[in-house]
Amino acid sequence: MRCPMALLLEMALALQRERTTWYIDGHNLLGHKGTPRSVEALIQALEPIQGVEKIALILDSKLETDPLIQIQPCDNNVVLETVTLSRDISADDYIRQQIHEALPHTRIQVVTADRDLRRQVLQTKPVVRGVVNPVTFWRRYLPRLCGYKKPKQ
């Protein structure tokens, strides 16, 4: 018979594992056909997402300022984090850094069309569940994450 405390810990880790953190390469998503053209419209479209732990929208910048992180809690217990980087670091580098700092039980999905980032990120397979193309994310994943469309059974 298993120890009740070990069983509770295992269940807590399983619940924590189910919630995914999404890292979205913002300008990569904005540059594709059928996606919004402005950052504000993109943020507004991401707000209704539910059932995930955090959404991090990473935006490159040409300015030589410190990175700006805006954390916006949404109604459905999701944290929408908008990170505007300085000229010194790219969105790809920031995403790689965040993945390497993530805990082993964290589940991460990355939205990018960058092949080099995709290859490097998928090497950390236990942490990164997958890399999604921006158009696929916009057309298939976003409606399901927002609860507009029921998942296939």
N, C-alpha and C. Protein backbone atom coordinates (compact mmCIF):
# COMPACT_ATOMS: atom_id res chain seq x y z
N MET A 1 0.85 -1.18 0.00
CA MET A 1 0.00 0.00 0.00
C MET A 1 0.89 1.24 0.00
N ARG A 2 0.49 2.21 -0.78
CA ARG A 2 1.28 3.43 -0.92
C ARG A 2 0.99 4.40 0.21
N CYS A 3 2.00 5.18 0.52
CA CYS A 3 1.88 6.20 1.56
C CYS A 3 0.90 7.28 1.09
N PRO A 4 -0.05 7.70 1.92
CA PRO A 4 -1.02 8.72 1.50
C PRO A 4 -0.35 10.05 1.15
N MET A 5 0.73 10.37 1.85
CA MET A 5 1.42 11.64 1.57
C MET A 5 2.07 11.61 0.19
N ALA A 6 2.66 10.47 -0.17
CA ALA A 6 3.28 10.33 -1.49
C ALA A 6 2.22 10.39 -2.57
N LEU A 7 1.07 9.81 -2.32
CA LEU A 7 -0.02 9.84 -3.28
C LEU A 7 -0.52 11.27 -3.49
N LEU A 8 -0.66 12.03 -2.40
CA LEU A 8 -1.08 13.42 -2.51
C LEU A 8 -0.06 14.26 -3.27
N LEU A 9 1.21 14.03 -3.01
CA LEU A 9 2.26 14.76 -3.71
C LEU A 9 2.24 14.43 -5.20
N GLU A 10 2.05 13.17 -5.51
CA GLU A 10 1.98 12.74 -6.91
C GLU A 10 0.79 13.37 -7.61
N MET A 11 -0.35 13.44 -6.93
CA MET A 11 -1.55 14.06 -7.51
C MET A 11 -1.35 15.56 -7.72
N ALA A 12 -0.71 16.22 -6.76
CA ALA A 12 -0.45 17.65 -6.88
C ALA A 12 0.47 17.94 -8.06
N LEU A 13 1.50 17.13 -8.22
CA LEU A 13 2.40 17.30 -9.35
C LEU A 13 1.69 17.03 -10.67
N ALA A 14 0.80 16.06 -10.69
CA ALA A 14 0.05 15.77 -11.91
C ALA A 14 -0.85 16.94 -12.29
N LEU A 15 -1.51 17.55 -11.30
CA LEU A 15 -2.34 18.71 -11.58
C LEU A 15 -1.51 19.88 -12.07
N GLN A 16 -0.34 20.05 -11.47
CA GLN A 16 0.53 21.14 -11.87
C GLN A 16 1.06 20.90 -13.28
N ARG A 17 1.32 19.64 -13.62
CA ARG A 17 1.85 19.30 -14.93
C ARG A 17 0.84 19.56 -16.04
N GLU A 18 -0.44 19.47 -15.72
CA GLU A 18 -1.46 19.63 -16.74
C GLU A 18 -1.54 21.05 -17.26
N ARG A 19 -1.17 22.02 -16.46
CA ARG A 19 -1.26 23.41 -16.88
C ARG A 19 0.00 23.78 -17.65
N THR A 20 -0.17 24.33 -18.81
CA THR A 20 0.92 24.60 -19.72
C THR A 20 1.23 26.09 -19.76
N THR A 21 2.51 26.40 -19.94
CA THR A 21 2.94 27.77 -20.18
C THR A 21 3.22 27.91 -21.67
N TRP A 22 2.67 28.95 -22.26
CA TRP A 22 2.86 29.21 -23.69
C TRP A 22 3.81 30.38 -23.86
N TYR A 23 4.86 30.22 -24.66
CA TYR A 23 5.75 31.31 -25.05
C TYR A 23 5.49 31.59 -26.52
N ILE A 24 5.06 32.83 -26.80
CA ILE A 24 4.69 33.21 -28.16
C ILE A 24 5.68 34.24 -28.67
N ASP A 25 6.33 33.94 -29.78
CA ASP A 25 7.21 34.89 -30.45
C ASP A 25 6.29 35.89 -31.16
N GLY A 26 6.08 37.04 -30.52
CA GLY A 26 5.05 37.98 -30.93
C GLY A 26 5.14 38.49 -32.35
N HIS A 27 6.29 39.02 -32.74
CA HIS A 27 6.40 39.58 -34.09
C HIS A 27 6.39 38.48 -35.14
N ASN A 28 6.80 37.29 -34.76
CA ASN A 28 6.72 36.15 -35.67
C ASN A 28 5.26 35.82 -35.94
N LEU A 29 4.42 35.87 -34.90
CA LEU A 29 2.98 35.61 -35.07
C LEU A 29 2.31 36.73 -35.84
N LEU A 30 2.69 37.98 -35.57
CA LEU A 30 2.06 39.13 -36.23
C LEU A 30 2.36 39.18 -37.72
N GLY A 31 3.46 38.56 -38.14
CA GLY A 31 3.87 38.67 -39.54
C GLY A 31 3.23 37.67 -40.47
N HIS A 32 2.33 36.84 -40.00
CA HIS A 32 1.73 35.82 -40.84
C HIS A 32 0.35 36.22 -41.33
N LYS A 33 -0.04 35.64 -42.45
CA LYS A 33 -1.32 35.91 -43.06
C LYS A 33 -2.46 35.40 -42.17
N GLY A 34 -3.46 36.21 -41.98
CA GLY A 34 -4.63 35.82 -41.21
C GLY A 34 -4.52 36.10 -39.72
N THR A 35 -3.41 36.68 -39.28
CA THR A 35 -3.24 37.01 -37.86
C THR A 35 -3.35 38.53 -37.71
N PRO A 36 -3.57 39.02 -36.50
CA PRO A 36 -3.69 40.47 -36.31
C PRO A 36 -2.41 41.20 -36.72
N ARG A 37 -2.55 42.46 -37.03
CA ARG A 37 -1.40 43.27 -37.44
C ARG A 37 -0.89 44.15 -36.30
N SER A 38 -1.65 44.30 -35.22
CA SER A 38 -1.20 45.15 -34.13
C SER A 38 -1.05 44.34 -32.85
N VAL A 39 -0.15 44.79 -31.99
CA VAL A 39 0.10 44.11 -30.73
C VAL A 39 -1.14 44.18 -29.83
N GLU A 40 -1.82 45.32 -29.82
CA GLU A 40 -3.00 45.49 -28.99
C GLU A 40 -4.09 44.49 -29.37
N ALA A 41 -4.31 44.30 -30.67
CA ALA A 41 -5.32 43.34 -31.13
C ALA A 41 -4.93 41.92 -30.75
N LEU A 42 -3.64 41.62 -30.81
CA LEU A 42 -3.16 40.30 -30.43
C LEU A 42 -3.37 40.05 -28.94
N ILE A 43 -3.05 41.02 -28.11
CA ILE A 43 -3.24 40.89 -26.66
C ILE A 43 -4.72 40.69 -26.35
N GLN A 44 -5.57 41.45 -27.01
CA GLN A 44 -7.02 41.33 -26.79
C GLN A 44 -7.52 39.94 -27.21
N ALA A 45 -6.95 39.37 -28.25
CA ALA A 45 -7.37 38.04 -28.70
C ALA A 45 -6.88 36.95 -27.74
N LEU A 46 -5.76 37.19 -27.04
CA LEU A 46 -5.20 36.19 -26.13
C LEU A 46 -5.85 36.22 -24.75
N GLU A 47 -6.52 37.29 -24.39
CA GLU A 47 -7.11 37.44 -23.05
C GLU A 47 -8.11 36.35 -22.68
N PRO A 48 -8.99 35.87 -23.57
CA PRO A 48 -9.98 34.87 -23.14
C PRO A 48 -9.44 33.45 -22.98
N ILE A 49 -8.15 33.22 -23.20
CA ILE A 49 -7.59 31.87 -23.08
C ILE A 49 -7.79 31.36 -21.66
N GLN A 50 -8.14 30.09 -21.55
CA GLN A 50 -8.38 29.48 -20.24
C GLN A 50 -7.69 28.12 -20.18
N GLY A 51 -7.46 27.65 -18.96
CA GLY A 51 -6.89 26.32 -18.77
C GLY A 51 -5.40 26.21 -18.92
N VAL A 52 -4.71 27.33 -18.99
CA VAL A 52 -3.25 27.32 -19.04
C VAL A 52 -2.72 28.10 -17.85
N GLU A 53 -1.45 27.90 -17.54
CA GLU A 53 -0.87 28.59 -16.40
C GLU A 53 -0.49 30.03 -16.75
N LYS A 54 0.22 30.18 -17.88
CA LYS A 54 0.71 31.50 -18.25
C LYS A 54 0.87 31.58 -19.75
N ILE A 55 0.63 32.78 -20.29
CA ILE A 55 0.90 33.07 -21.69
C ILE A 55 1.91 34.19 -21.70
N ALA A 56 3.05 33.96 -22.31
CA ALA A 56 4.09 34.98 -22.39
C ALA A 56 4.23 35.41 -23.84
N LEU A 57 3.86 36.64 -24.12
CA LEU A 57 3.97 37.22 -25.46
C LEU A 57 5.29 37.97 -25.50
N ILE A 58 6.24 37.49 -26.28
CA ILE A 58 7.59 38.05 -26.32
C ILE A 58 7.71 38.90 -27.58
N LEU A 59 8.06 40.17 -27.39
CA LEU A 59 8.17 41.10 -28.52
C LEU A 59 9.58 41.67 -28.60
N ASP A 60 10.15 41.63 -29.80
CA ASP A 60 11.45 42.26 -30.04
C ASP A 60 11.26 43.77 -30.11
N SER A 61 12.33 44.50 -29.84
CA SER A 61 12.27 45.95 -29.92
C SER A 61 13.59 46.47 -30.48
N LYS A 62 13.53 47.58 -31.16
CA LYS A 62 14.73 48.22 -31.69
C LYS A 62 15.30 49.26 -30.72
N LEU A 63 14.61 49.50 -29.62
CA LEU A 63 15.03 50.51 -28.67
C LEU A 63 16.10 49.98 -27.73
N GLU A 64 16.93 50.87 -27.23
CA GLU A 64 17.98 50.48 -26.29
C GLU A 64 17.53 50.77 -24.86
N THR A 65 16.39 50.23 -24.50
CA THR A 65 15.87 50.42 -23.14
C THR A 65 15.92 49.08 -22.42
N ASP A 66 15.63 49.12 -21.13
CA ASP A 66 15.55 47.89 -20.38
C ASP A 66 14.32 47.11 -20.82
N PRO A 67 14.37 45.78 -20.71
CA PRO A 67 13.18 45.01 -21.06
C PRO A 67 11.98 45.41 -20.19
N LEU A 68 10.84 45.50 -20.81
CA LEU A 68 9.61 45.90 -20.12
C LEU A 68 8.70 44.68 -20.00
N ILE A 69 8.33 44.34 -18.78
CA ILE A 69 7.46 43.19 -18.55
C ILE A 69 6.15 43.70 -17.95
N GLN A 70 5.06 43.45 -18.65
CA GLN A 70 3.74 43.82 -18.17
C GLN A 70 2.97 42.54 -17.85
N ILE A 71 2.57 42.40 -16.60
CA ILE A 71 1.83 41.22 -16.18
C ILE A 71 0.37 41.61 -15.99
N GLN A 72 -0.50 40.90 -16.70
CA GLN A 72 -1.92 41.21 -16.67
C GLN A 72 -2.69 39.95 -16.28
N PRO A 73 -3.23 39.90 -15.06
CA PRO A 73 -4.04 38.73 -14.70
C PRO A 73 -5.39 38.79 -15.42
N CYS A 74 -5.80 37.67 -15.96
CA CYS A 74 -7.08 37.60 -16.67
C CYS A 74 -8.15 37.02 -15.75
N ASP A 75 -9.39 37.08 -16.19
CA ASP A 75 -10.52 36.63 -15.38
C ASP A 75 -10.49 35.13 -15.09
N ASN A 76 -9.86 34.34 -15.94
CA ASN A 76 -9.93 32.89 -15.85
C ASN A 76 -8.66 32.27 -15.26
N ASN A 77 -8.03 32.93 -14.28
CA ASN A 77 -6.84 32.44 -13.57
C ASN A 77 -5.65 32.20 -14.49
N VAL A 78 -5.55 32.96 -15.55
CA VAL A 78 -4.43 32.88 -16.48
C VAL A 78 -3.66 34.19 -16.38
N VAL A 79 -2.34 34.09 -16.39
CA VAL A 79 -1.51 35.28 -16.35
C VAL A 79 -1.04 35.55 -17.78
N LEU A 80 -1.33 36.74 -18.27
CA LEU A 80 -0.88 37.17 -19.60
C LEU A 80 0.29 38.12 -19.39
N GLU A 81 1.46 37.67 -19.80
CA GLU A 81 2.69 38.43 -19.58
C GLU A 81 3.18 38.94 -20.93
N THR A 82 3.30 40.25 -21.08
CA THR A 82 3.81 40.84 -22.31
C THR A 82 5.22 41.35 -22.03
N VAL A 83 6.19 40.80 -22.74
CA VAL A 83 7.59 41.15 -22.53
C VAL A 83 8.09 41.87 -23.78
N THR A 84 8.45 43.14 -23.62
CA THR A 84 9.04 43.91 -24.71
C THR A 84 10.54 44.00 -24.42
N LEU A 85 11.32 43.40 -25.28
CA LEU A 85 12.76 43.30 -25.05
C LEU A 85 13.52 44.50 -25.59
N SER A 86 14.76 44.63 -25.17
CA SER A 86 15.61 45.69 -25.70
C SER A 86 16.34 45.16 -26.93
N ARG A 87 17.15 46.00 -27.52
CA ARG A 87 17.89 45.63 -28.71
C ARG A 87 18.93 44.54 -28.42
N ASP A 88 19.35 44.43 -27.17
CA ASP A 88 20.43 43.52 -26.80
C ASP A 88 20.04 42.04 -26.88
N ILE A 89 18.79 41.72 -26.68
CA ILE A 89 18.37 40.32 -26.65
C ILE A 89 17.19 40.11 -27.59
N SER A 90 17.21 39.01 -28.31
CA SER A 90 16.11 38.73 -29.23
C SER A 90 15.05 37.89 -28.53
N ALA A 91 13.91 37.80 -29.14
CA ALA A 91 12.82 37.00 -28.57
C ALA A 91 13.22 35.53 -28.52
N ASP A 92 13.95 35.07 -29.52
CA ASP A 92 14.40 33.68 -29.54
C ASP A 92 15.32 33.39 -28.36
N ASP A 93 16.26 34.28 -28.11
CA ASP A 93 17.19 34.09 -26.99
C ASP A 93 16.44 34.12 -25.65
N TYR A 94 15.48 35.01 -25.53
CA TYR A 94 14.70 35.11 -24.29
C TYR A 94 13.90 33.83 -24.05
N ILE A 95 13.29 33.30 -25.09
CA ILE A 95 12.51 32.07 -24.96
C ILE A 95 13.42 30.92 -24.55
N ARG A 96 14.59 30.81 -25.20
CA ARG A 96 15.55 29.76 -24.84
C ARG A 96 15.96 29.88 -23.38
N GLN A 97 16.23 31.11 -22.94
CA GLN A 97 16.64 31.35 -21.55
C GLN A 97 15.55 30.94 -20.57
N GLN A 98 14.30 31.28 -20.87
CA GLN A 98 13.19 30.93 -19.99
C GLN A 98 12.97 29.42 -19.92
N ILE A 99 13.18 28.74 -21.02
CA ILE A 99 13.02 27.28 -21.04
C ILE A 99 14.10 26.61 -20.20
N HIS A 100 15.33 27.11 -20.31
CA HIS A 100 16.42 26.51 -19.53
C HIS A 100 16.27 26.79 -18.04
N GLU A 101 15.59 27.87 -17.67
CA GLU A 101 15.36 28.18 -16.26
C GLU A 101 14.11 27.50 -15.70
N ALA A 102 13.31 26.88 -16.55
CA ALA A 102 12.06 26.26 -16.12
C ALA A 102 12.33 25.02 -15.29
N LEU A 103 11.40 24.74 -14.39
CA LEU A 103 11.49 23.53 -13.57
C LEU A 103 11.22 22.30 -14.43
N PRO A 104 11.76 21.15 -14.04
CA PRO A 104 11.60 19.96 -14.87
C PRO A 104 10.15 19.51 -15.09
N HIS A 105 9.26 19.77 -14.14
CA HIS A 105 7.87 19.33 -14.30
C HIS A 105 7.01 20.34 -15.06
N THR A 106 7.57 21.46 -15.45
CA THR A 106 6.82 22.49 -16.18
C THR A 106 6.55 22.01 -17.61
N ARG A 107 5.35 22.29 -18.10
CA ARG A 107 5.02 21.96 -19.49
C ARG A 107 4.99 23.25 -20.29
N ILE A 108 5.74 23.27 -21.37
CA ILE A 108 5.87 24.48 -22.17
C ILE A 108 5.53 24.18 -23.62
N GLN A 109 4.80 25.09 -24.23
CA GLN A 109 4.54 25.09 -25.67
C GLN A 109 5.11 26.39 -26.22
N VAL A 110 5.71 26.33 -27.39
CA VAL A 110 6.31 27.50 -28.02
C VAL A 110 5.62 27.74 -29.35
N VAL A 111 5.30 29.01 -29.63
CA VAL A 111 4.70 29.38 -30.91
C VAL A 111 5.72 30.20 -31.67
N THR A 112 6.27 29.61 -32.74
CA THR A 112 7.25 30.30 -33.58
C THR A 112 7.34 29.59 -34.93
N ALA A 113 7.80 30.32 -35.92
CA ALA A 113 8.07 29.73 -37.23
C ALA A 113 9.56 29.64 -37.48
N ASP A 114 10.36 30.06 -36.52
CA ASP A 114 11.81 30.05 -36.65
C ASP A 114 12.33 28.62 -36.55
N ARG A 115 12.92 28.11 -37.61
CA ARG A 115 13.38 26.72 -37.64
C ARG A 115 14.51 26.46 -36.66
N ASP A 116 15.42 27.41 -36.52
CA ASP A 116 16.54 27.23 -35.60
C ASP A 116 16.06 27.15 -34.16
N LEU A 117 15.14 28.05 -33.79
CA LEU A 117 14.57 28.02 -32.43
C LEU A 117 13.81 26.72 -32.22
N ARG A 118 13.04 26.29 -33.20
CA ARG A 118 12.29 25.04 -33.11
C ARG A 118 13.22 23.87 -32.82
N ARG A 119 14.32 23.78 -33.57
CA ARG A 119 15.27 22.67 -33.40
C ARG A 119 15.89 22.69 -32.01
N GLN A 120 16.30 23.86 -31.54
CA GLN A 120 16.95 23.95 -30.24
C GLN A 120 15.99 23.69 -29.09
N VAL A 121 14.79 24.19 -29.22
CA VAL A 121 13.80 24.05 -28.15
C VAL A 121 13.35 22.59 -28.02
N LEU A 122 13.20 21.90 -29.12
CA LEU A 122 12.74 20.52 -29.08
C LEU A 122 13.78 19.57 -28.48
N GLN A 123 15.01 20.02 -28.32
CA GLN A 123 16.02 19.20 -27.66
C GLN A 123 15.78 19.11 -26.17
N THR A 124 15.00 20.00 -25.60
CA THR A 124 14.63 19.95 -24.18
C THR A 124 13.25 19.31 -24.07
N LYS A 125 13.09 18.15 -24.66
CA LYS A 125 11.79 17.51 -24.83
C LYS A 125 10.99 17.27 -23.55
N PRO A 126 11.56 16.87 -22.43
CA PRO A 126 10.67 16.65 -21.29
C PRO A 126 9.95 17.92 -20.84
N VAL A 127 10.58 19.07 -21.03
CA VAL A 127 9.98 20.34 -20.60
C VAL A 127 9.10 20.90 -21.71
N VAL A 128 9.61 20.94 -22.92
CA VAL A 128 8.88 21.51 -24.05
C VAL A 128 8.03 20.42 -24.68
N ARG A 129 6.74 20.62 -24.65
CA ARG A 129 5.83 19.62 -25.23
C ARG A 129 5.79 19.70 -26.73
N GLY A 130 5.99 20.89 -27.28
CA GLY A 130 5.95 21.01 -28.72
C GLY A 130 6.13 22.44 -29.17
N VAL A 131 6.36 22.58 -30.46
CA VAL A 131 6.48 23.89 -31.09
C VAL A 131 5.38 23.97 -32.13
N VAL A 132 4.63 25.05 -32.08
CA VAL A 132 3.46 25.21 -32.94
C VAL A 132 3.73 26.36 -33.91
N ASN A 133 3.38 26.13 -35.16
CA ASN A 133 3.48 27.17 -36.18
C ASN A 133 2.48 28.28 -35.85
N PRO A 134 2.84 29.55 -36.07
CA PRO A 134 1.93 30.65 -35.72
C PRO A 134 0.55 30.57 -36.38
N VAL A 135 0.48 30.19 -37.65
CA VAL A 135 -0.82 30.11 -38.32
C VAL A 135 -1.65 28.97 -37.74
N THR A 136 -1.01 27.86 -37.44
CA THR A 136 -1.71 26.73 -36.82
C THR A 136 -2.22 27.12 -35.44
N PHE A 137 -1.40 27.84 -34.68
CA PHE A 137 -1.83 28.31 -33.36
C PHE A 137 -3.05 29.20 -33.51
N TRP A 138 -3.00 30.13 -34.45
CA TRP A 138 -4.07 31.10 -34.61
C TRP A 138 -5.38 30.44 -35.05
N ARG A 139 -5.29 29.49 -35.96
CA ARG A 139 -6.51 28.89 -36.53
C ARG A 139 -7.04 27.73 -35.72
N ARG A 140 -6.16 26.91 -35.14
CA ARG A 140 -6.62 25.70 -34.46
C ARG A 140 -6.55 25.79 -32.94
N TYR A 141 -5.42 26.22 -32.41
CA TYR A 141 -5.23 26.18 -30.97
C TYR A 141 -5.99 27.28 -30.24
N LEU A 142 -5.92 28.52 -30.75
CA LEU A 142 -6.55 29.65 -30.06
C LEU A 142 -8.05 29.46 -29.85
N PRO A 143 -8.82 29.06 -30.86
CA PRO A 143 -10.25 28.86 -30.60
C PRO A 143 -10.53 27.81 -29.53
N ARG A 144 -9.73 26.76 -29.49
CA ARG A 144 -9.92 25.72 -28.48
C ARG A 144 -9.50 26.19 -27.10
N LEU A 145 -8.38 26.92 -27.03
CA LEU A 145 -7.91 27.43 -25.75
C LEU A 145 -8.88 28.46 -25.17
N CYS A 146 -9.55 29.19 -26.03
CA CYS A 146 -10.51 30.20 -25.56
C CYS A 146 -11.87 29.60 -25.23
N GLY A 147 -12.07 28.34 -25.58
CA GLY A 147 -13.34 27.68 -25.29
C GLY A 147 -14.39 27.91 -26.34
N TYR A 148 -14.00 28.47 -27.49
CA TYR A 148 -14.97 28.72 -28.55
C TYR A 148 -15.32 27.43 -29.30
N LYS A 149 -14.38 26.51 -29.33
CA LYS A 149 -14.54 25.28 -30.08
C LYS A 149 -14.20 24.11 -29.16
N LYS A 150 -15.02 23.12 -29.14
CA LYS A 150 -14.75 21.97 -28.27
C LYS A 150 -13.68 21.09 -28.91
N PRO A 151 -12.79 20.52 -28.09
CA PRO A 151 -11.75 19.64 -28.66
C PRO A 151 -12.35 18.38 -29.26
N LYS A 152 -11.65 17.84 -30.26
CA LYS A 152 -12.11 16.60 -30.88
C LYS A 152 -12.01 15.47 -29.90
N GLN A 153 -12.96 14.54 -29.96
CA GLN A 153 -12.95 13.42 -29.01
C GLN A 153 -12.68 12.12 -29.69
